[in-house]
Full PDB file with SEQRES, HELIX, SHEET, SSBOND, CRYST1, ORIGX, SCALE, CONECT and MASTER records, all heavy atoms in Angstrom:
SEQRES   1 A   38  PHE ASP GLY ARG ILE ARG GLY VAL PHE THR LEU PRO LYS          
SEQRES   2 A   38  ALA THR GLY GLN THR TRP SER GLU GLY ALA LEU LEU TYR          
SEQRES   3 A   38  TRP ASP ASN SER GLY LYS LYS PHE THR THR SER ALA              
SHEET    1 AA1 2 TYR A  26  ASP A  28  0                                        
SHEET    2 AA1 2 LYS A  33  THR A  35 -1                                        
CRYST1    1.000    1.000    1.000  90.00  90.00  90.00 P 1           1          
ORIGX1      1.000000  0.000000  0.000000        0.00000                         
ORIGX2      0.000000  1.000000  0.000000        0.00000                         
ORIGX3      0.000000  0.000000  1.000000        0.00000                         
SCALE1      1.000000  0.000000  0.000000        0.00000                         
SCALE2      0.000000  1.000000  0.000000        0.00000                         
SCALE3      0.000000  0.000000  1.000000        0.00000                         
ATOM      1  N   PHE A   1     -17.244 -40.645  45.516  1.00  0.00           N  
ATOM      2  CA  PHE A   1     -17.804 -41.982  45.294  1.00  0.00           C  
ATOM      3  C   PHE A   1     -18.761 -42.312  46.420  1.00  0.00           C  
ATOM      4  O   PHE A   1     -18.681 -41.747  47.508  1.00  0.00           O  
ATOM      5  CB  PHE A   1     -16.695 -43.046  45.188  1.00  0.00           C  
ATOM      6  CG  PHE A   1     -16.091 -43.462  46.501  1.00  0.00           C  
ATOM      7  CD1 PHE A   1     -16.496 -44.616  47.149  1.00  0.00           C  
ATOM      8  CD2 PHE A   1     -15.097 -42.696  47.100  1.00  0.00           C  
ATOM      9  CE1 PHE A   1     -15.934 -45.009  48.355  1.00  0.00           C  
ATOM     10  CE2 PHE A   1     -14.523 -43.082  48.296  1.00  0.00           C  
ATOM     11  CZ  PHE A   1     -14.955 -44.239  48.930  1.00  0.00           C  
ATOM     12  N   ASP A   2     -19.691 -43.207  46.134  1.00  0.00           N  
ATOM     13  CA  ASP A   2     -20.613 -43.690  47.150  1.00  0.00           C  
ATOM     14  C   ASP A   2     -20.043 -44.944  47.777  1.00  0.00           C  
ATOM     15  O   ASP A   2     -19.526 -45.826  47.074  1.00  0.00           O  
ATOM     16  CB  ASP A   2     -21.984 -43.999  46.549  1.00  0.00           C  
ATOM     17  CG  ASP A   2     -22.760 -42.742  46.196  1.00  0.00           C  
ATOM     18  OD1 ASP A   2     -22.448 -41.671  46.753  1.00  0.00           O  
ATOM     19  OD2 ASP A   2     -23.685 -42.839  45.363  1.00  0.00           O  
ATOM     20  N   GLY A   3     -20.142 -45.009  49.103  1.00  0.00           N  
ATOM     21  CA  GLY A   3     -19.657 -46.164  49.840  1.00  0.00           C  
ATOM     22  C   GLY A   3     -20.723 -46.674  50.792  1.00  0.00           C  
ATOM     23  O   GLY A   3     -21.366 -45.885  51.475  1.00  0.00           O  
ATOM     24  N   ARG A   4     -20.922 -47.977  50.801  1.00  0.00           N  
ATOM     25  CA  ARG A   4     -21.854 -48.602  51.753  1.00  0.00           C  
ATOM     26  C   ARG A   4     -21.128 -48.790  53.083  1.00  0.00           C  
ATOM     27  O   ARG A   4     -20.034 -49.329  53.108  1.00  0.00           O  
ATOM     28  CB  ARG A   4     -22.340 -49.951  51.249  1.00  0.00           C  
ATOM     29  CG  ARG A   4     -23.290 -49.839  50.101  1.00  0.00           C  
ATOM     30  CD  ARG A   4     -24.100 -51.137  49.962  1.00  0.00           C  
ATOM     31  NE  ARG A   4     -25.187 -50.930  49.047  1.00  0.00           N  
ATOM     32  CZ  ARG A   4     -26.387 -50.454  49.397  1.00  0.00           C  
ATOM     33  NH1 ARG A   4     -26.643 -50.152  50.643  1.00  0.00           N  
ATOM     34  NH2 ARG A   4     -27.330 -50.291  48.497  1.00  0.00           N  
ATOM     35  N   ILE A   5     -21.772 -48.350  54.159  1.00  0.00           N  
ATOM     36  CA  ILE A   5     -21.157 -48.478  55.480  1.00  0.00           C  
ATOM     37  C   ILE A   5     -21.780 -49.600  56.308  1.00  0.00           C  
ATOM     38  O   ILE A   5     -21.273 -49.938  57.371  1.00  0.00           O  
ATOM     39  CB  ILE A   5     -21.232 -47.163  56.273  1.00  0.00           C  
ATOM     40  CG1 ILE A   5     -22.679 -46.770  56.547  1.00  0.00           C  
ATOM     41  CG2 ILE A   5     -20.489 -46.060  55.547  1.00  0.00           C  
ATOM     42  CD1 ILE A   5     -22.831 -45.692  57.581  1.00  0.00           C  
ATOM     43  N   ARG A   6     -22.856 -50.178  55.824  1.00  0.00           N  
ATOM     44  CA  ARG A   6     -23.563 -51.208  56.585  1.00  0.00           C  
ATOM     45  C   ARG A   6     -24.122 -52.239  55.623  1.00  0.00           C  
ATOM     46  O   ARG A   6     -24.567 -51.900  54.535  1.00  0.00           O  
ATOM     47  CB  ARG A   6     -24.700 -50.556  57.367  1.00  0.00           C  
ATOM     48  CG  ARG A   6     -25.284 -51.400  58.436  1.00  0.00           C  
ATOM     49  CD  ARG A   6     -26.216 -50.613  59.338  1.00  0.00           C  
ATOM     50  NE  ARG A   6     -25.473 -49.470  59.869  1.00  0.00           N  
ATOM     51  CZ  ARG A   6     -25.977 -48.253  60.021  1.00  0.00           C  
ATOM     52  NH1 ARG A   6     -27.210 -48.003  59.724  1.00  0.00           N  
ATOM     53  NH2 ARG A   6     -25.254 -47.276  60.488  1.00  0.00           N  
ATOM     54  N   GLY A   7     -24.086 -53.503  56.030  1.00  0.00           N  
ATOM     55  CA  GLY A   7     -24.637 -54.586  55.229  1.00  0.00           C  
ATOM     56  C   GLY A   7     -23.740 -55.804  55.264  1.00  0.00           C  
ATOM     57  O   GLY A   7     -22.700 -55.809  55.912  1.00  0.00           O  
ATOM     58  N   VAL A   8     -24.149 -56.851  54.547  1.00  0.00           N  
ATOM     59  CA  VAL A   8     -23.389 -58.092  54.480  1.00  0.00           C  
ATOM     60  C   VAL A   8     -22.699 -58.154  53.122  1.00  0.00           C  
ATOM     61  O   VAL A   8     -23.336 -57.966  52.089  1.00  0.00           O  
ATOM     62  CB  VAL A   8     -24.296 -59.324  54.678  1.00  0.00           C  
ATOM     63  CG1 VAL A   8     -23.502 -60.616  54.549  1.00  0.00           C  
ATOM     64  CG2 VAL A   8     -24.995 -59.256  56.032  1.00  0.00           C  
ATOM     65  N   PHE A   9     -21.394 -58.425  53.151  1.00  0.00           N  
ATOM     66  CA  PHE A   9     -20.570 -58.443  51.949  1.00  0.00           C  
ATOM     67  C   PHE A   9     -19.643 -59.649  51.976  1.00  0.00           C  
ATOM     68  O   PHE A   9     -19.218 -60.091  53.038  1.00  0.00           O  
ATOM     69  CB  PHE A   9     -19.686 -57.187  51.865  1.00  0.00           C  
ATOM     70  CG  PHE A   9     -20.449 -55.903  51.910  1.00  0.00           C  
ATOM     71  CD1 PHE A   9     -20.723 -55.280  53.127  1.00  0.00           C  
ATOM     72  CD2 PHE A   9     -20.879 -55.301  50.742  1.00  0.00           C  
ATOM     73  CE1 PHE A   9     -21.425 -54.090  53.169  1.00  0.00           C  
ATOM     74  CE2 PHE A   9     -21.577 -54.108  50.775  1.00  0.00           C  
ATOM     75  CZ  PHE A   9     -21.856 -53.508  51.986  1.00  0.00           C  
ATOM     76  N   THR A  10     -19.277 -60.163  50.807  1.00  0.00           N  
ATOM     77  CA  THR A  10     -18.210 -61.143  50.687  1.00  0.00           C  
ATOM     78  C   THR A  10     -16.933 -60.344  50.467  1.00  0.00           C  
ATOM     79  O   THR A  10     -16.803 -59.634  49.470  1.00  0.00           O  
ATOM     80  CB  THR A  10     -18.457 -62.094  49.498  1.00  0.00           C  
ATOM     81  OG1 THR A  10     -19.691 -62.776  49.726  1.00  0.00           O  
ATOM     82  CG2 THR A  10     -17.329 -63.104  49.360  1.00  0.00           C  
ATOM     83  N   LEU A  11     -16.011 -60.434  51.436  1.00  0.00           N  
ATOM     84  CA  LEU A  11     -14.818 -59.585  51.422  1.00  0.00           C  
ATOM     85  C   LEU A  11     -13.570 -60.410  51.740  1.00  0.00           C  
ATOM     86  O   LEU A  11     -13.671 -61.527  52.273  1.00  0.00           O  
ATOM     87  CB  LEU A  11     -14.978 -58.444  52.437  1.00  0.00           C  
ATOM     88  CG  LEU A  11     -16.062 -57.424  52.076  1.00  0.00           C  
ATOM     89  CD1 LEU A  11     -16.369 -56.514  53.251  1.00  0.00           C  
ATOM     90  CD2 LEU A  11     -15.642 -56.606  50.865  1.00  0.00           C  
ATOM     91  N   PRO A  12     -12.379 -59.864  51.430  1.00  0.00           N  
ATOM     92  CA  PRO A  12     -11.127 -60.600  51.667  1.00  0.00           C  
ATOM     93  C   PRO A  12     -10.950 -60.990  53.143  1.00  0.00           C  
ATOM     94  O   PRO A  12     -11.235 -60.195  54.044  1.00  0.00           O  
ATOM     95  CB  PRO A  12     -10.043 -59.615  51.241  1.00  0.00           C  
ATOM     96  CG  PRO A  12     -10.719 -58.672  50.312  1.00  0.00           C  
ATOM     97  CD  PRO A  12     -12.137 -58.564  50.802  1.00  0.00           C  
ATOM     98  N   LYS A  13     -10.477 -62.218  53.347  1.00  0.00           N  
ATOM     99  CA  LYS A  13     -10.290 -62.778  54.688  1.00  0.00           C  
ATOM    100  C   LYS A  13      -8.840 -63.208  54.860  1.00  0.00           C  
ATOM    101  O   LYS A  13      -8.235 -63.743  53.934  1.00  0.00           O  
ATOM    102  CB  LYS A  13     -11.211 -63.990  54.834  1.00  0.00           C  
ATOM    103  CG  LYS A  13     -11.009 -64.804  56.085  1.00  0.00           C  
ATOM    104  CD  LYS A  13     -11.720 -66.152  55.940  1.00  0.00           C  
ATOM    105  CE  LYS A  13     -11.297 -67.120  57.001  1.00  0.00           C  
ATOM    106  NZ  LYS A  13      -9.920 -67.590  56.856  1.00  0.00           N  
ATOM    107  N   ALA A  14      -8.303 -62.979  56.038  1.00  0.00           N  
ATOM    108  CA  ALA A  14      -6.960 -63.479  56.357  1.00  0.00           C  
ATOM    109  C   ALA A  14      -7.009 -65.000  56.385  1.00  0.00           C  
ATOM    110  O   ALA A  14      -7.866 -65.589  57.038  1.00  0.00           O  
ATOM    111  CB  ALA A  14      -6.502 -62.928  57.699  1.00  0.00           C  
ATOM    112  N   THR A  15      -6.104 -65.644  55.643  1.00  0.00           N  
ATOM    113  CA  THR A  15      -6.057 -67.100  55.672  1.00  0.00           C  
ATOM    114  C   THR A  15      -5.385 -67.553  56.962  1.00  0.00           C  
ATOM    115  O   THR A  15      -4.741 -66.771  57.648  1.00  0.00           O  
ATOM    116  CB  THR A  15      -5.309 -67.648  54.442  1.00  0.00           C  
ATOM    117  OG1 THR A  15      -4.017 -67.071  54.394  1.00  0.00           O  
ATOM    118  CG2 THR A  15      -6.062 -67.356  53.153  1.00  0.00           C  
ATOM    119  N   GLY A  16      -5.572 -68.807  57.292  1.00  0.00           N  
ATOM    120  CA  GLY A  16      -4.989 -69.336  58.522  1.00  0.00           C  
ATOM    121  C   GLY A  16      -5.887 -69.139  59.730  1.00  0.00           C  
ATOM    122  O   GLY A  16      -5.495 -69.451  60.850  1.00  0.00           O  
ATOM    123  N   GLN A  17      -7.084 -68.626  59.511  1.00  0.00           N  
ATOM    124  CA  GLN A  17      -8.043 -68.410  60.594  1.00  0.00           C  
ATOM    125  C   GLN A  17      -9.348 -69.118  60.260  1.00  0.00           C  
ATOM    126  O   GLN A  17      -9.750 -69.170  59.103  1.00  0.00           O  
ATOM    127  CB  GLN A  17      -8.365 -66.923  60.767  1.00  0.00           C  
ATOM    128  CG  GLN A  17      -7.211 -66.061  61.130  1.00  0.00           C  
ATOM    129  CD  GLN A  17      -7.640 -64.609  61.293  1.00  0.00           C  
ATOM    130  OE1 GLN A  17      -8.667 -64.180  60.794  1.00  0.00           O  
ATOM    131  NE2 GLN A  17      -6.830 -63.857  61.994  1.00  0.00           N  
ATOM    132  N   THR A  18      -9.994 -69.616  61.289  1.00  0.00           N  
ATOM    133  CA  THR A  18     -11.340 -70.144  61.149  1.00  0.00           C  
ATOM    134  C   THR A  18     -12.279 -69.128  61.780  1.00  0.00           C  
ATOM    135  O   THR A  18     -12.028 -68.659  62.877  1.00  0.00           O  
ATOM    136  CB  THR A  18     -11.475 -71.497  61.881  1.00  0.00           C  
ATOM    137  OG1 THR A  18     -10.539 -72.411  61.299  1.00  0.00           O  
ATOM    138  CG2 THR A  18     -12.865 -72.054  61.770  1.00  0.00           C  
ATOM    139  N   TRP A  19     -13.327 -68.773  61.054  1.00  0.00           N  
ATOM    140  CA  TRP A  19     -14.321 -67.847  61.593  1.00  0.00           C  
ATOM    141  C   TRP A  19     -15.559 -68.630  62.015  1.00  0.00           C  
ATOM    142  O   TRP A  19     -16.060 -69.451  61.264  1.00  0.00           O  
ATOM    143  CB  TRP A  19     -14.762 -66.836  60.551  1.00  0.00           C  
ATOM    144  CG  TRP A  19     -13.759 -65.828  60.128  1.00  0.00           C  
ATOM    145  CD1 TRP A  19     -12.483 -65.684  60.567  1.00  0.00           C  
ATOM    146  CD2 TRP A  19     -13.950 -64.817  59.145  1.00  0.00           C  
ATOM    147  NE1 TRP A  19     -11.877 -64.641  59.926  1.00  0.00           N  
ATOM    148  CE2 TRP A  19     -12.757 -64.092  59.049  1.00  0.00           C  
ATOM    149  CE3 TRP A  19     -15.022 -64.461  58.331  1.00  0.00           C  
ATOM    150  CZ2 TRP A  19     -12.614 -63.019  58.175  1.00  0.00           C  
ATOM    151  CZ3 TRP A  19     -14.877 -63.395  57.470  1.00  0.00           C  
ATOM    152  CH2 TRP A  19     -13.679 -62.672  57.395  1.00  0.00           C  
ATOM    153  N   SER A  20     -16.029 -68.341  63.201  1.00  0.00           N  
ATOM    154  CA  SER A  20     -17.309 -68.891  63.626  1.00  0.00           C  
ATOM    155  C   SER A  20     -18.371 -67.816  63.391  1.00  0.00           C  
ATOM    156  O   SER A  20     -18.071 -66.619  63.390  1.00  0.00           O  
ATOM    157  CB  SER A  20     -17.266 -69.303  65.094  1.00  0.00           C  
ATOM    158  OG  SER A  20     -16.936 -68.197  65.906  1.00  0.00           O  
ATOM    159  N   GLU A  21     -19.577 -68.259  63.167  1.00  0.00           N  
ATOM    160  CA  GLU A  21     -20.674 -67.325  62.941  1.00  0.00           C  
ATOM    161  C   GLU A  21     -20.788 -66.371  64.133  1.00  0.00           C  
ATOM    162  O   GLU A  21     -20.775 -66.799  65.280  1.00  0.00           O  
ATOM    163  CB  GLU A  21     -21.970 -68.121  62.774  1.00  0.00           C  
ATOM    164  CG  GLU A  21     -23.166 -67.297  62.417  1.00  0.00           C  
ATOM    165  CD  GLU A  21     -24.382 -68.173  62.195  1.00  0.00           C  
ATOM    166  OE1 GLU A  21     -24.499 -69.234  62.848  1.00  0.00           O  
ATOM    167  OE2 GLU A  21     -25.218 -67.792  61.378  1.00  0.00           O  
ATOM    168  N   GLY A  22     -20.830 -65.077  63.858  1.00  0.00           N  
ATOM    169  CA  GLY A  22     -20.959 -64.070  64.901  1.00  0.00           C  
ATOM    170  C   GLY A  22     -19.644 -63.605  65.508  1.00  0.00           C  
ATOM    171  O   GLY A  22     -19.637 -62.718  66.360  1.00  0.00           O  
ATOM    172  N   ALA A  23     -18.510 -64.171  65.066  1.00  0.00           N  
ATOM    173  CA  ALA A  23     -17.201 -63.766  65.600  1.00  0.00           C  
ATOM    174  C   ALA A  23     -16.922 -62.311  65.229  1.00  0.00           C  
ATOM    175  O   ALA A  23     -17.205 -61.871  64.114  1.00  0.00           O  
ATOM    176  CB  ALA A  23     -16.103 -64.658  65.043  1.00  0.00           C  
ATOM    177  N   LEU A  24     -16.358 -61.559  66.169  1.00  0.00           N  
ATOM    178  CA  LEU A  24     -15.971 -60.179  65.882  1.00  0.00           C  
ATOM    179  C   LEU A  24     -14.872 -60.167  64.826  1.00  0.00           C  
ATOM    180  O   LEU A  24     -13.946 -60.979  64.878  1.00  0.00           O  
ATOM    181  CB  LEU A  24     -15.472 -59.481  67.147  1.00  0.00           C  
ATOM    182  CG  LEU A  24     -16.524 -59.206  68.212  1.00  0.00           C  
ATOM    183  CD1 LEU A  24     -15.876 -58.558  69.433  1.00  0.00           C  
ATOM    184  CD2 LEU A  24     -17.637 -58.326  67.681  1.00  0.00           C  
ATOM    185  N   LEU A  25     -14.991 -59.225  63.885  1.00  0.00           N  
ATOM    186  CA  LEU A  25     -14.007 -59.107  62.815  1.00  0.00           C  
ATOM    187  C   LEU A  25     -13.387 -57.722  62.806  1.00  0.00           C  
ATOM    188  O   LEU A  25     -14.057 -56.724  63.068  1.00  0.00           O  
ATOM    189  CB  LEU A  25     -14.648 -59.384  61.455  1.00  0.00           C  
ATOM    190  CG  LEU A  25     -15.184 -60.790  61.254  1.00  0.00           C  
ATOM    191  CD1 LEU A  25     -15.843 -60.910  59.887  1.00  0.00           C  
ATOM    192  CD2 LEU A  25     -14.090 -61.832  61.425  1.00  0.00           C  
ATOM    193  N   TYR A  26     -12.103 -57.695  62.492  1.00  0.00           N  
ATOM    194  CA  TYR A  26     -11.316 -56.469  62.487  1.00  0.00           C  
ATOM    195  C   TYR A  26     -10.749 -56.246  61.088  1.00  0.00           C  
ATOM    196  O   TYR A  26     -10.372 -57.196  60.407  1.00  0.00           O  
ATOM    197  CB  TYR A  26     -10.168 -56.587  63.500  1.00  0.00           C  
ATOM    198  CG  TYR A  26     -10.661 -56.817  64.902  1.00  0.00           C  
ATOM    199  CD1 TYR A  26     -10.998 -58.104  65.332  1.00  0.00           C  
ATOM    200  CD2 TYR A  26     -10.814 -55.763  65.786  1.00  0.00           C  
ATOM    201  CE1 TYR A  26     -11.469 -58.322  66.619  1.00  0.00           C  
ATOM    202  CE2 TYR A  26     -11.280 -55.985  67.078  1.00  0.00           C  
ATOM    203  CZ  TYR A  26     -11.606 -57.255  67.478  1.00  0.00           C  
ATOM    204  OH  TYR A  26     -12.079 -57.466  68.746  1.00  0.00           O  
ATOM    205  N   TRP A  27     -10.671 -54.993  60.669  1.00  0.00           N  
ATOM    206  CA  TRP A  27     -10.109 -54.646  59.369  1.00  0.00           C  
ATOM    207  C   TRP A  27      -8.621 -54.399  59.533  1.00  0.00           C  
ATOM    208  O   TRP A  27      -8.201 -53.520  60.288  1.00  0.00           O  
ATOM    209  CB  TRP A  27     -10.792 -53.411  58.798  1.00  0.00           C  
ATOM    210  CG  TRP A  27     -10.206 -52.943  57.509  1.00  0.00           C  
ATOM    211  CD1 TRP A  27      -9.518 -51.788  57.297  1.00  0.00           C  
ATOM    212  CD2 TRP A  27     -10.265 -53.597  56.237  1.00  0.00           C  
ATOM    213  NE1 TRP A  27      -9.143 -51.683  55.980  1.00  0.00           N  
ATOM    214  CE2 TRP A  27      -9.589 -52.782  55.303  1.00  0.00           C  
ATOM    215  CE3 TRP A  27     -10.815 -54.799  55.790  1.00  0.00           C  
ATOM    216  CZ2 TRP A  27      -9.455 -53.125  53.958  1.00  0.00           C  
ATOM    217  CZ3 TRP A  27     -10.681 -55.141  54.456  1.00  0.00           C  
ATOM    218  CH2 TRP A  27     -10.015 -54.311  53.565  1.00  0.00           C  
ATOM    219  N   ASP A  28      -7.808 -55.188  58.823  1.00  0.00           N  
ATOM    220  CA  ASP A  28      -6.364 -55.000  58.769  1.00  0.00           C  
ATOM    221  C   ASP A  28      -6.103 -54.097  57.566  1.00  0.00           C  
ATOM    222  O   ASP A  28      -6.106 -54.567  56.425  1.00  0.00           O  
ATOM    223  CB  ASP A  28      -5.681 -56.355  58.614  1.00  0.00           C  
ATOM    224  CG  ASP A  28      -4.183 -56.240  58.372  1.00  0.00           C  
ATOM    225  OD1 ASP A  28      -3.645 -55.115  58.329  1.00  0.00           O  
ATOM    226  OD2 ASP A  28      -3.550 -57.295  58.198  1.00  0.00           O  
ATOM    227  N   ASN A  29      -5.913 -52.813  57.806  1.00  0.00           N  
ATOM    228  CA  ASN A  29      -5.782 -51.850  56.714  1.00  0.00           C  
ATOM    229  C   ASN A  29      -4.507 -52.046  55.903  1.00  0.00           C  
ATOM    230  O   ASN A  29      -4.490 -51.779  54.710  1.00  0.00           O  
ATOM    231  CB  ASN A  29      -5.863 -50.419  57.239  1.00  0.00           C  
ATOM    232  CG  ASN A  29      -6.210 -49.442  56.148  1.00  0.00           C  
ATOM    233  OD1 ASN A  29      -7.148 -49.664  55.386  1.00  0.00           O  
ATOM    234  ND2 ASN A  29      -5.460 -48.362  56.059  1.00  0.00           N  
ATOM    235  N   SER A  30      -3.432 -52.555  56.522  1.00  0.00           N  
ATOM    236  CA  SER A  30      -2.207 -52.769  55.753  1.00  0.00           C  
ATOM    237  C   SER A  30      -2.348 -53.994  54.846  1.00  0.00           C  
ATOM    238  O   SER A  30      -1.867 -53.990  53.719  1.00  0.00           O  
ATOM    239  CB  SER A  30      -0.995 -52.914  56.673  1.00  0.00           C  
ATOM    240  OG  SER A  30      -1.148 -54.024  57.519  1.00  0.00           O  
ATOM    241  N   GLY A  31      -3.009 -55.044  55.309  1.00  0.00           N  
ATOM    242  CA  GLY A  31      -3.207 -56.242  54.499  1.00  0.00           C  
ATOM    243  C   GLY A  31      -4.468 -56.204  53.652  1.00  0.00           C  
ATOM    244  O   GLY A  31      -4.673 -57.060  52.808  1.00  0.00           O  
ATOM    245  N   LYS A  32      -5.347 -55.214  53.931  1.00  0.00           N  
ATOM    246  CA  LYS A  32      -6.624 -55.059  53.203  1.00  0.00           C  
ATOM    247  C   LYS A  32      -7.480 -56.324  53.295  1.00  0.00           C  
ATOM    248  O   LYS A  32      -8.065 -56.784  52.332  1.00  0.00           O  
ATOM    249  CB  LYS A  32      -6.401 -54.688  51.729  1.00  0.00           C  
ATOM    250  CG  LYS A  32      -5.518 -53.476  51.521  1.00  0.00           C  
ATOM    251  CD  LYS A  32      -6.126 -52.226  52.091  1.00  0.00           C  
ATOM    252  CE  LYS A  32      -5.276 -51.003  51.754  1.00  0.00           C  
ATOM    253  NZ  LYS A  32      -5.342 -49.970  52.749  1.00  0.00           N  
ATOM    254  N   LYS A  33      -7.533 -56.898  54.529  1.00  0.00           N  
ATOM    255  CA  LYS A  33      -8.303 -58.117  54.776  1.00  0.00           C  
ATOM    256  C   LYS A  33      -8.951 -58.044  56.147  1.00  0.00           C  
ATOM    257  O   LYS A  33      -8.487 -57.313  57.023  1.00  0.00           O  
ATOM    258  CB  LYS A  33      -7.389 -59.345  54.741  1.00  0.00           C  
ATOM    259  CG  LYS A  33      -6.750 -59.590  53.408  1.00  0.00           C  
ATOM    260  CD  LYS A  33      -5.827 -60.771  53.448  1.00  0.00           C  
ATOM    261  CE  LYS A  33      -5.190 -60.940  52.078  1.00  0.00           C  
ATOM    262  NZ  LYS A  33      -4.317 -62.073  52.000  1.00  0.00           N  
ATOM    263  N   PHE A  34      -9.981 -58.868  56.334  1.00  0.00           N  
ATOM    264  CA  PHE A  34     -10.604 -58.990  57.644  1.00  0.00           C  
ATOM    265  C   PHE A  34      -9.925 -60.105  58.416  1.00  0.00           C  
ATOM    266  O   PHE A  34      -9.491 -61.108  57.848  1.00  0.00           O  
ATOM    267  CB  PHE A  34     -12.103 -59.269  57.510  1.00  0.00           C  
ATOM    268  CG  PHE A  34     -12.872 -58.034  57.171  1.00  0.00           C  
ATOM    269  CD1 PHE A  34     -13.055 -57.663  55.852  1.00  0.00           C  
ATOM    270  CD2 PHE A  34     -13.371 -57.213  58.164  1.00  0.00           C  
ATOM    271  CE1 PHE A  34     -13.740 -56.510  55.527  1.00  0.00           C  
ATOM    272  CE2 PHE A  34     -14.053 -56.061  57.852  1.00  0.00           C  
ATOM    273  CZ  PHE A  34     -14.228 -55.707  56.533  1.00  0.00           C  
ATOM    274  N   THR A  35      -9.858 -59.920  59.732  1.00  0.00           N  
ATOM    275  CA  THR A  35      -9.183 -60.854  60.612  1.00  0.00           C  
ATOM    276  C   THR A  35      -9.921 -60.923  61.947  1.00  0.00           C  
ATOM    277  O   THR A  35     -10.683 -60.004  62.283  1.00  0.00           O  
ATOM    278  CB  THR A  35      -7.714 -60.410  60.836  1.00  0.00           C  
ATOM    279  OG1 THR A  35      -7.082 -61.308  61.745  1.00  0.00           O  
ATOM    280  CG2 THR A  35      -7.611 -58.998  61.376  1.00  0.00           C  
ATOM    281  N   THR A  36      -9.665 -61.968  62.699  1.00  0.00           N  
ATOM    282  CA  THR A  36     -10.200 -62.060  64.057  1.00  0.00           C  
ATOM    283  C   THR A  36      -9.212 -61.478  65.068  1.00  0.00           C  
ATOM    284  O   THR A  36      -9.494 -61.436  66.252  1.00  0.00           O  
ATOM    285  CB  THR A  36     -10.511 -63.523  64.426  1.00  0.00           C  
ATOM    286  OG1 THR A  36      -9.331 -64.307  64.242  1.00  0.00           O  
ATOM    287  CG2 THR A  36     -11.647 -64.072  63.573  1.00  0.00           C  
ATOM    288  N   SER A  37      -8.070 -61.012  64.586  1.00  0.00           N  
ATOM    289  CA  SER A  37      -7.031 -60.455  65.450  1.00  0.00           C  
ATOM    290  C   SER A  37      -7.254 -58.963  65.683  1.00  0.00           C  
ATOM    291  O   SER A  37      -7.246 -58.166  64.743  1.00  0.00           O  
ATOM    292  CB  SER A  37      -5.661 -60.668  64.796  1.00  0.00           C  
ATOM    293  OG  SER A  37      -4.665 -60.044  65.562  1.00  0.00           O  
ATOM    294  N   ALA A  38      -7.416 -58.585  66.941  1.00  0.00           N  
ATOM    295  CA  ALA A  38      -7.671 -57.188  67.290  1.00  0.00           C  
ATOM    296  C   ALA A  38      -6.422 -56.319  67.198  1.00  0.00           C  
ATOM    297  O   ALA A  38      -6.524 -55.138  66.888  1.00  0.00           O  
ATOM    298  CB  ALA A  38      -8.240 -57.099  68.713  1.00  0.00           C  
TER     299      ALA A  38                                                      
MASTER        0    0    0    0    2    0    0    6  298    1    0    3          
END                                                                             
């Protein structure tokens, strides 16, 4: 399959967090969501 490795996407986010523009984001592979938690 083809996969995009770069670009802007609307993707699952961990609830309970507020994201500010430019905040570093981490992939939680077990939850399959992005988070601000390293």
